[in-house]
Every structure is written in structure tokens, then in C-alpha cells.
Amino acid sequence: MTNLALKDTVDTAADMTSPDMTPGPVGGPGAWRGPDMAKSDAWIEHLSEAEIAEIDAAIRAHLDNDLSMADIGPDTFHLPTLGPRLKKILDDVVNGRGFVLLRGFPVNRYSVTESAIGYLGLGSYIGGFRPSNAKGHLLGHVRDIGRDIKDPTTRYYQTNRGLEFHTDSVDIVGLLCLKTAKSGGASRIVSSVTLHDVIRERRPDLWQALFNAFPTDRRGEIPPGKKPWFDVPVFNWHAGHLTTMYVGQYIRSAQELFPEARRLTDIEIEAMDYLDALCNDPEFYLSMDFLPGDIQLLHNHQILHSRTDYEDWPELEKRRHLLRLWLAPDNGRPLPKAFETRYGSLTPGDRGGIFTESTKLTFSLSPT
């Protein structure tokens, strides 16, 4: 996609059908609304006892053979029944509604190490592992570790603060719930396809502005030779797909921290505010409370996700803890060239993630 500086207003019908912008409403299975999804459980997949037995056996085989986490893959982590089912689930995530909740992973009978091995084994059937932070963690941890959000290198997942609706810099993000908070911490997701279609209909001027490239703070996770921010449109129309990348918190922090980054126009600021307001409208988002053993898989290109504030337990061993995977499936959609500044390679199965000069890929069992 060519990064053009689009005008702030829609003048003609021709502007509405620019080849760099969606020619009309996108619709399709990815254009859902939260209240409708809440009436159905079609997006919840339950593990069967036979599938759990396969996971048990694969974990035992991994430990008995003294394999490392780096050895985990479909060739070593055998799931003869569940494996093909995971591939079908992947198709729903990538080509359908954009998300799924897999329920019943037996974390209560596993150690953290065993849970990590099993989760990585399942994840390997979805896509290749990508680092979710500058330390190179291929197995990430979402936990409050007491970081100060005012520190420009702090990521919100390291605190108990609510997260604004956003996308992650990889095709698919997966979260496995090990422990829940004392209260709060609900997951909320919204279809960026639905939001696009609504904004296009209600406010075409703001819709058009969201195809401009927005400077976005890297939070200190800077690849070699790159600026401390990257520029990418929120909405991208490429190869017949609407692909969204948006982290409003970090677009705003880029304006505060980097005077040399492009200044946002008034209409771009209004467009972000309007997008945020729609994200937080119960008419559009779906809220879910995780149970221990829930695995949420989200397609970042068509889903924005958030989290509410939470209060944690005083006991360290009881505190909210999720394991995170960033995954790049081989059947990922074509991505616009604008994504290279954030994703590096655009090759399906080998793209996305955080890389800096000091990044060393590792599977960490510690949240720090």
C-alpha cells in the first residue's frame, strides 16, 4: 500500500473508492457485534477428556526425553486428535470471526513449567513463536510486577492498570490464564471490521483520516537503525483485506516524547477519540472473564483487545498470571508494505515480534 497523505475531508465519490482505501463496507464473518456474540457460545471450544489425555502424554514425553522448550513443535509434541482440530480453529481465527476461547486446559493439575510446555505445544500448531518484548521472550507473562507506567519503557501488561483497546504487533496473540485476580481484569474485544464500517457510514471524514500513517511509540524497544517510533496507518486496505494496527496510548505518547515525530492534525485526533469511543461502547465490544485454563486466541489484524483495571490478591502465589504467546501462522494474510517498519519481514510464518540489538530469544518462566 502506498502511504499517501490523505485529505481531511471527503470531496467526491472518487475519494471514497481510492485503491488505498476500502471501496465499501467490508462486512463478512469478521463484522460482529458484542451483544450478538454474548448470546452465543459458538466462539467457545471445549477440550475433551481424550484431548486432555493427549496433552498429558505429550508433556510427559517432553519431560521424559529431556527436551528443551526450543524443541517444541508439532513433530515433537504429538496431538493426533487435537492437532487437526487446532488447525480448524486457526482457520476460524484467521478467516472467520477473528477470535476463539479454548476452555479446559488443566492448569490446576500442572506446575507452571508443565503448563508452559503444554501451552507451547498447542501454540506450535497455530504458528511460529515470536518475541513479545525486547528481552526476546517467546513465552511471555502478563502480570503486575510493580512497574511505573510513567516510565517510558514500561508496557501496560506489567501493571494492574486497564489497557485501552489496541492491537499487538504480530498476527495472533494467545493468552493462557493460570490465575485470576481478586476482582476485575475482564478481557474485552471488539471487531475492527465493524468499527471501520460504522465510522465509514457515520463519519467519512474521520474514516479517511484513519488511513493516514500515525507515529507510534516503540516504548524503548527499538530495532537496529530504526527511530524510537514507527509510522503506520490505523486502517489498511490491501489484497482484499482490511487490516488494522492501532495502539492509541502509544500514538499519544509519541506526540509527548518525540517532538520530531509528525504532529497529528485536529481531525486525526478527533478520529482517534471517535474510534476509542466506539471501542468502549457496549453496543460493539464483547466482555469475557477468564477462568483458569482458558486460552484466548485473537487475530490482531481484525480484533482490538483491552483489559479492565484489576485488584490483585495480597498473596504472591495467588496473583493474576497469564502466559502469552505471539504467533505467526503459515497461512497469514498478505500484509501491506507499511507494516515492514513494525513487523520486519512480511513473510507469513516469519513476521512480527519485537527485535532490538540486545534481543536474545528465550523461553522464560519468570515474568521479569
Protein backbone atom coordinates (compact mmCIF):
# COMPACT_ATOMS: atom_id res chain seq x y z
CA MET A 1 0.00 0.00 0.00
CA THR A 2 1.26 3.46 -0.80
CA ASN A 3 1.37 5.79 2.21
CA LEU A 4 -0.38 8.89 0.92
CA ALA A 5 -1.14 11.99 2.95
CA LEU A 6 -4.89 11.82 2.58
CA LYS A 7 -7.05 14.93 2.74
CA ASP A 8 -9.01 15.65 5.90
CA THR A 9 -12.35 15.80 4.13
CA VAL A 10 -14.16 13.67 1.60
CA ASP A 11 -14.78 15.76 -1.51
CA THR A 12 -16.04 13.36 -4.13
CA ALA A 13 -17.31 9.86 -4.65
CA ALA A 14 -13.96 9.04 -6.22
CA ASP A 15 -12.25 9.68 -2.89
CA MET A 16 -14.44 7.01 -1.32
CA THR A 17 -13.11 4.38 -3.74
CA SER A 18 -9.37 5.16 -3.64
CA PRO A 19 -7.36 1.95 -4.27
CA ASP A 20 -5.63 2.55 -0.91
CA MET A 21 -8.95 2.60 0.94
CA THR A 22 -11.84 0.21 1.26
CA PRO A 23 -14.23 0.59 -1.70
CA GLY A 24 -17.26 -0.03 0.53
CA PRO A 25 -18.34 -1.69 3.78
CA VAL A 26 -16.22 -4.76 4.49
CA GLY A 27 -18.79 -6.91 6.30
CA GLY A 28 -18.36 -10.68 6.38
CA PRO A 29 -17.91 -13.05 9.35
CA GLY A 30 -15.40 -10.68 10.97
CA ALA A 31 -18.00 -7.89 11.26
CA TRP A 32 -19.71 -8.90 14.51
CA ARG A 33 -21.10 -7.01 17.49
CA GLY A 34 -20.56 -7.90 21.12
CA PRO A 35 -24.17 -8.27 22.27
CA ASP A 36 -24.83 -10.72 19.44
CA MET A 37 -21.75 -12.77 20.32
CA ALA A 38 -22.71 -12.75 24.00
CA LYS A 39 -25.93 -14.59 23.11
CA SER A 40 -23.96 -17.46 21.58
CA ASP A 41 -21.23 -19.82 22.73
CA ALA A 42 -20.13 -20.70 19.20
CA TRP A 43 -16.81 -18.97 19.90
CA ILE A 44 -16.05 -21.20 22.92
CA GLU A 45 -14.31 -24.50 22.18
CA HIS A 46 -14.12 -27.11 24.98
CA LEU A 47 -11.27 -29.57 25.28
CA SER A 48 -12.46 -33.15 25.56
CA GLU A 49 -11.07 -35.66 28.06
CA ALA A 50 -9.40 -37.53 25.19
CA GLU A 51 -7.72 -34.32 24.00
CA ILE A 52 -6.54 -33.51 27.53
CA ALA A 53 -5.09 -37.02 27.74
CA GLU A 54 -3.13 -36.26 24.55
CA ILE A 55 -1.75 -33.09 26.14
CA ASP A 56 -0.79 -35.04 29.29
CA ALA A 57 1.03 -37.67 27.24
CA ALA A 58 2.85 -35.06 25.15
CA ILE A 59 4.03 -33.19 28.27
CA ARG A 60 5.28 -36.44 29.84
CA ALA A 61 7.10 -37.39 26.63
CA HIS A 62 8.74 -33.96 26.50
CA LEU A 63 9.99 -34.30 30.09
CA ASP A 64 11.00 -37.96 29.74
CA ASN A 65 13.05 -37.18 26.64
CA ASP A 66 14.71 -34.22 28.41
CA LEU A 67 13.78 -31.83 25.61
CA SER A 68 14.08 -28.06 25.84
CA MET A 69 11.25 -25.64 25.15
CA ALA A 70 13.04 -24.71 21.94
CA ASP A 71 12.48 -28.30 20.76
CA ILE A 72 8.69 -28.00 21.00
CA GLY A 73 6.80 -28.27 17.72
CA PRO A 74 4.19 -30.43 16.03
CA ASP A 75 6.89 -33.00 15.19
CA THR A 76 7.83 -33.47 18.85
CA PHE A 77 4.60 -32.57 20.65
CA HIS A 78 2.21 -35.15 19.27
CA LEU A 79 -1.51 -34.34 19.38
CA PRO A 80 -3.06 -36.81 16.92
CA THR A 81 -6.67 -35.74 17.54
CA LEU A 82 -6.34 -32.25 18.94
CA GLY A 83 -3.72 -31.15 16.41
CA PRO A 84 -6.05 -31.29 13.37
CA ARG A 85 -8.79 -29.62 15.42
CA LEU A 86 -6.42 -26.76 16.28
CA LYS A 87 -5.80 -26.24 12.57
CA LYS A 88 -9.56 -25.86 12.04
CA ILE A 89 -9.76 -23.43 14.95
CA LEU A 90 -6.91 -21.47 13.36
CA ASP A 91 -8.94 -21.12 10.17
CA ASP A 92 -11.84 -19.62 12.17
CA VAL A 93 -9.46 -17.15 13.78
CA VAL A 94 -7.67 -16.10 10.58
CA ASN A 95 -10.51 -16.28 8.08
CA GLY A 96 -13.64 -16.06 10.25
CA ARG A 97 -14.71 -14.14 13.34
CA GLY A 98 -11.10 -13.46 14.37
CA PHE A 99 -11.10 -15.00 17.86
CA VAL A 100 -11.77 -18.11 19.89
CA LEU A 101 -11.76 -19.15 23.56
CA LEU A 102 -10.42 -22.67 24.13
CA ARG A 103 -11.61 -23.86 27.54
CA GLY A 104 -10.47 -26.68 29.81
CA PHE A 105 -6.65 -26.69 29.72
CA PRO A 106 -5.97 -28.34 33.13
CA VAL A 107 -3.65 -25.78 34.74
CA ASN A 108 -4.78 -26.76 38.24
CA ARG A 109 -3.03 -30.11 37.98
CA TYR A 110 0.08 -28.82 36.22
CA SER A 111 3.10 -26.97 37.52
CA VAL A 112 3.90 -23.66 35.82
CA THR A 113 6.60 -25.46 33.84
CA GLU A 114 4.21 -28.20 32.73
CA SER A 115 1.57 -25.59 31.81
CA ALA A 116 4.17 -23.70 29.77
CA ILE A 117 5.24 -26.86 27.94
CA GLY A 118 1.64 -27.80 27.16
CA TYR A 119 0.72 -24.29 26.08
CA LEU A 120 3.75 -24.02 23.80
CA GLY A 121 2.86 -27.41 22.35
CA LEU A 122 -0.66 -26.26 21.48
CA GLY A 123 0.64 -22.93 20.21
CA SER A 124 3.08 -24.64 17.84
CA TYR A 125 0.10 -25.95 15.87
CA ILE A 126 -1.12 -22.35 15.43
CA GLY A 127 2.08 -20.63 14.30
CA GLY A 128 5.74 -19.85 14.83
CA PHE A 129 6.76 -18.27 18.14
CA ARG A 130 7.69 -14.56 18.03
CA PRO A 131 9.25 -12.44 20.81
CA SER A 132 6.76 -10.22 22.62
CA ASN A 133 9.31 -7.89 24.23
CA ALA A 134 12.86 -6.60 23.78
CA LYS A 135 14.22 -9.32 26.05
CA GLY A 136 13.22 -11.87 23.42
CA HIS A 137 10.62 -13.72 25.48
CA LEU A 138 8.93 -16.28 23.23
CA LEU A 139 6.86 -17.26 26.25
CA GLY A 140 5.54 -14.04 27.75
CA HIS A 141 3.95 -13.25 31.10
CA VAL A 142 1.09 -10.85 31.77
CA ARG A 143 1.44 -9.97 35.43
CA ASP A 144 1.66 -6.89 37.62
CA ILE A 145 5.35 -6.63 38.51
CA GLY A 146 5.08 -3.17 40.03
CA ARG A 147 6.42 -1.17 37.10
CA ASP A 148 5.65 2.56 36.95
CA ILE A 149 3.58 3.35 33.88
CA LYS A 150 5.21 6.80 33.79
CA ASP A 151 8.48 5.08 32.87
CA PRO A 152 8.62 5.37 29.05
CA THR A 153 9.87 1.77 28.79
CA THR A 154 7.03 0.27 30.84
CA ARG A 155 4.40 -1.76 28.99
CA TYR A 156 0.87 -1.71 30.40
CA TYR A 157 0.72 -5.51 30.76
CA GLN A 158 3.39 -5.17 33.51
CA THR A 159 0.91 -3.28 35.70
CA ASN A 160 -2.62 -3.75 37.05
CA ARG A 161 -3.84 -0.79 35.03
CA GLY A 162 -6.58 -1.17 32.48
CA LEU A 163 -5.47 -1.43 28.87
CA GLU A 164 -7.02 0.69 26.16
CA PHE A 165 -8.24 -1.15 23.08
CA HIS A 166 -5.25 -1.95 20.89
CA THR A 167 -3.60 -4.48 18.61
CA ASP A 168 -0.34 -6.34 19.20
CA SER A 169 2.50 -6.41 16.67
CA VAL A 170 2.03 -9.98 15.46
CA ASP A 171 -0.59 -11.95 13.56
CA ILE A 172 -2.06 -13.82 16.54
CA VAL A 173 -1.82 -13.30 20.29
CA GLY A 174 -2.67 -16.12 22.65
CA LEU A 175 -3.31 -15.86 26.39
CA LEU A 176 -3.48 -18.79 28.81
CA CYS A 177 -4.99 -17.97 32.20
CA LEU A 178 -3.09 -19.57 35.10
CA LYS A 179 -4.62 -17.49 37.91
CA THR A 180 -7.27 -14.78 38.09
CA ALA A 181 -7.26 -11.51 40.03
CA LYS A 182 -9.20 -10.89 43.23
CA SER A 183 -11.50 -8.67 41.18
CA GLY A 184 -11.53 -7.02 37.76
CA GLY A 185 -9.26 -7.78 34.85
CA ALA A 186 -12.04 -8.65 32.38
CA SER A 187 -10.97 -9.11 28.76
CA ARG A 188 -12.80 -7.01 26.19
CA ILE A 189 -12.54 -7.44 22.45
CA VAL A 190 -14.10 -5.62 19.52
CA SER A 191 -14.21 -6.16 15.77
CA SER A 192 -12.14 -3.56 13.94
CA VAL A 193 -14.07 -4.55 10.80
CA THR A 194 -17.33 -3.47 12.43
CA LEU A 195 -15.77 -0.25 13.70
CA HIS A 196 -14.42 0.54 10.24
CA ASP A 197 -17.82 0.05 8.63
CA VAL A 198 -19.58 2.16 11.28
CA ILE A 199 -17.08 5.03 11.03
CA ARG A 200 -17.24 4.93 7.24
CA GLU A 201 -21.00 5.29 7.36
CA ARG A 202 -21.30 7.83 10.18
CA ARG A 203 -18.16 9.96 9.83
CA PRO A 204 -16.46 9.51 6.43
CA ASP A 205 -14.12 12.41 7.17
CA LEU A 206 -12.75 10.63 10.23
CA TRP A 207 -12.72 7.30 8.39
CA GLN A 208 -10.48 8.77 5.74
CA ALA A 209 -8.11 10.27 8.31
CA LEU A 210 -7.54 6.82 9.83
CA PHE A 211 -5.81 5.74 6.60
CA ASN A 212 -3.03 8.25 7.34
CA ALA A 213 0.19 6.99 8.93
CA PHE A 214 0.23 7.64 12.70
CA PRO A 215 3.54 7.89 14.62
CA THR A 216 3.51 5.20 17.34
CA ASP A 217 5.90 4.96 20.31
CA ARG A 218 8.04 1.79 20.44
CA ARG A 219 8.35 2.15 24.26
CA GLY A 220 12.13 1.87 24.08
CA GLU A 221 12.04 -1.41 22.11
CA ILE A 222 13.92 -0.08 19.10
CA PRO A 223 15.21 -2.31 16.25
CA PRO A 224 18.68 -1.54 14.88
CA GLY A 225 18.67 1.50 12.62
CA LYS A 226 15.09 2.47 13.45
CA LYS A 227 13.52 5.51 15.08
CA PRO A 228 12.03 5.25 18.59
CA TRP A 229 8.62 5.35 16.93
CA PHE A 230 7.13 3.86 13.77
CA ASP A 231 4.60 5.30 11.33
CA VAL A 232 1.70 3.15 10.14
CA PRO A 233 -1.96 3.74 9.21
CA VAL A 234 -4.68 2.55 11.56
CA PHE A 235 -6.78 1.19 8.68
CA ASN A 236 -5.07 -0.53 5.76
CA TRP A 237 -6.79 -1.92 2.65
CA HIS A 238 -4.53 -4.47 0.96
CA ALA A 239 -5.09 -7.58 -1.16
CA GLY A 240 -8.81 -7.53 -0.44
CA HIS A 241 -8.39 -7.38 3.34
CA LEU A 242 -8.97 -4.65 5.90
CA THR A 243 -6.01 -4.87 8.26
CA THR A 244 -5.89 -2.71 11.38
CA MET A 245 -2.97 -1.64 13.58
CA TYR A 246 -3.75 0.65 16.50
CA VAL A 247 -2.28 1.46 19.91
CA GLY A 248 -3.81 4.78 20.88
CA GLN A 249 -1.84 5.06 24.13
CA TYR A 250 1.44 4.85 22.26
CA ILE A 251 0.35 7.18 19.46
CA ARG A 252 -0.33 9.78 22.14
CA SER A 253 2.92 9.10 23.99
CA ALA A 254 4.84 9.51 20.73
CA GLN A 255 3.38 13.03 20.49
CA GLU A 256 4.56 13.77 24.03
CA LEU A 257 8.01 12.17 23.86
CA PHE A 258 9.24 12.79 20.32
CA PRO A 259 8.98 16.38 19.04
CA GLU A 260 10.44 15.27 15.72
CA ALA A 261 7.58 12.83 15.10
CA ARG A 262 4.87 14.15 12.76
CA ARG A 263 2.30 16.24 14.61
CA LEU A 264 -1.23 14.90 14.41
CA THR A 265 -3.87 17.07 12.82
CA ASP A 266 -7.03 18.05 14.67
CA ILE A 267 -9.10 15.70 12.54
CA GLU A 268 -6.72 12.79 13.23
CA ILE A 269 -7.02 13.42 16.96
CA GLU A 270 -10.80 13.53 16.63
CA ALA A 271 -10.70 10.30 14.61
CA MET A 272 -8.75 8.54 17.37
CA ASP A 273 -11.14 9.82 20.02
CA TYR A 274 -14.11 8.63 17.99
CA LEU A 275 -12.53 5.21 17.42
CA ASP A 276 -11.83 4.89 21.16
CA ALA A 277 -15.41 5.88 22.00
CA LEU A 278 -16.82 3.22 19.68
CA CYS A 279 -14.44 0.59 21.11
CA ASN A 280 -15.76 1.31 24.60
CA ASP A 281 -19.42 1.29 23.57
CA PRO A 282 -21.24 -1.84 24.86
CA GLU A 283 -23.03 -1.89 21.50
CA PHE A 284 -19.80 -3.17 19.98
CA TYR A 285 -17.45 -4.88 22.44
CA LEU A 286 -17.65 -8.39 23.89
CA SER A 287 -16.55 -8.84 27.51
CA MET A 288 -15.31 -12.13 28.93
CA ASP A 289 -13.97 -13.20 32.30
CA PHE A 290 -11.17 -15.74 32.09
CA LEU A 291 -11.29 -18.96 34.07
CA PRO A 292 -8.07 -20.80 34.95
CA GLY A 293 -7.25 -22.94 31.92
CA ASP A 294 -8.88 -20.63 29.35
CA ILE A 295 -6.86 -19.94 26.20
CA GLN A 296 -7.87 -16.89 24.18
CA LEU A 297 -6.62 -16.59 20.59
CA LEU A 298 -7.04 -13.25 18.78
CA HIS A 299 -6.32 -12.22 15.20
CA ASN A 300 -4.74 -8.79 15.66
CA HIS A 301 -5.50 -7.69 12.10
CA GLN A 302 -9.25 -7.69 12.79
CA ILE A 303 -9.61 -7.61 16.58
CA LEU A 304 -8.83 -4.87 19.08
CA HIS A 305 -8.49 -6.01 22.69
CA SER A 306 -8.39 -4.40 26.11
CA ARG A 307 -8.49 -5.21 29.81
CA THR A 308 -10.19 -3.56 32.74
CA ASP A 309 -8.32 -2.46 35.90
CA TYR A 310 -7.95 -5.17 38.47
CA GLU A 311 -7.28 -5.65 42.17
CA ASP A 312 -4.88 -8.46 42.90
CA TRP A 313 -4.53 -10.82 45.84
CA PRO A 314 -2.07 -9.86 48.59
CA GLU A 315 -0.56 -13.37 48.47
CA LEU A 316 2.09 -13.59 45.74
CA GLU A 317 1.23 -17.17 44.83
CA LYS A 318 -2.43 -16.28 44.16
CA ARG A 319 -1.89 -13.24 41.93
CA ARG A 320 -3.28 -12.87 38.43
CA HIS A 321 -0.98 -14.53 35.91
CA LEU A 322 -1.42 -15.16 32.20
CA LEU A 323 1.03 -16.80 29.82
CA ARG A 324 1.25 -15.08 26.45
CA LEU A 325 2.28 -16.29 23.02
CA TRP A 326 2.80 -14.18 19.91
CA LEU A 327 2.27 -16.45 16.92
CA ALA A 328 2.87 -16.16 13.18
CA PRO A 329 0.85 -18.77 11.23
CA ASP A 330 1.94 -20.01 7.83
CA ASN A 331 -1.48 -19.14 6.40
CA GLY A 332 -1.32 -15.48 7.47
CA ARG A 333 -2.91 -12.91 5.17
CA PRO A 334 -0.84 -10.65 2.87
CA LEU A 335 0.21 -7.52 4.73
CA PRO A 336 0.79 -4.04 3.30
CA LYS A 337 4.33 -2.76 2.91
CA ALA A 338 3.66 -0.16 5.61
CA PHE A 339 3.82 -2.99 8.17
CA GLU A 340 7.51 -3.66 7.46
CA THR A 341 8.56 -0.88 9.83
CA ARG A 342 6.95 -2.80 12.70
CA TYR A 343 6.79 -6.43 11.53
CA GLY A 344 10.19 -6.60 9.83
CA SER A 345 9.56 -9.38 7.32
CA LEU A 346 6.13 -9.64 5.71
CA THR A 347 6.57 -13.38 5.05
CA PRO A 348 3.76 -15.45 6.64
CA GLY A 349 5.10 -17.60 9.46
CA ASP A 350 8.18 -15.40 9.91
CA ARG A 351 6.99 -11.92 10.80
CA GLY A 352 6.07 -9.74 13.74
CA GLY A 353 7.54 -9.58 17.20
CA ILE A 354 9.97 -7.25 18.97
CA PHE A 355 13.66 -7.25 17.97
CA THR A 356 16.41 -4.93 19.22
CA GLU A 357 20.20 -5.09 19.16
CA SER A 358 20.18 -6.81 22.57
CA THR A 359 17.30 -9.24 21.92
CA LYS A 360 18.13 -12.85 22.71
CA LEU A 361 15.35 -15.33 22.04
CA THR A 362 14.40 -17.28 25.13
CA PHE A 363 11.55 -19.13 26.81
CA SER A 364 11.29 -17.52 30.24
CA LEU A 365 9.40 -18.93 33.21
CA SER A 366 9.76 -15.61 35.02
CA PRO A 367 7.57 -12.53 34.42
CA THR A 368 10.58 -10.20 34.80
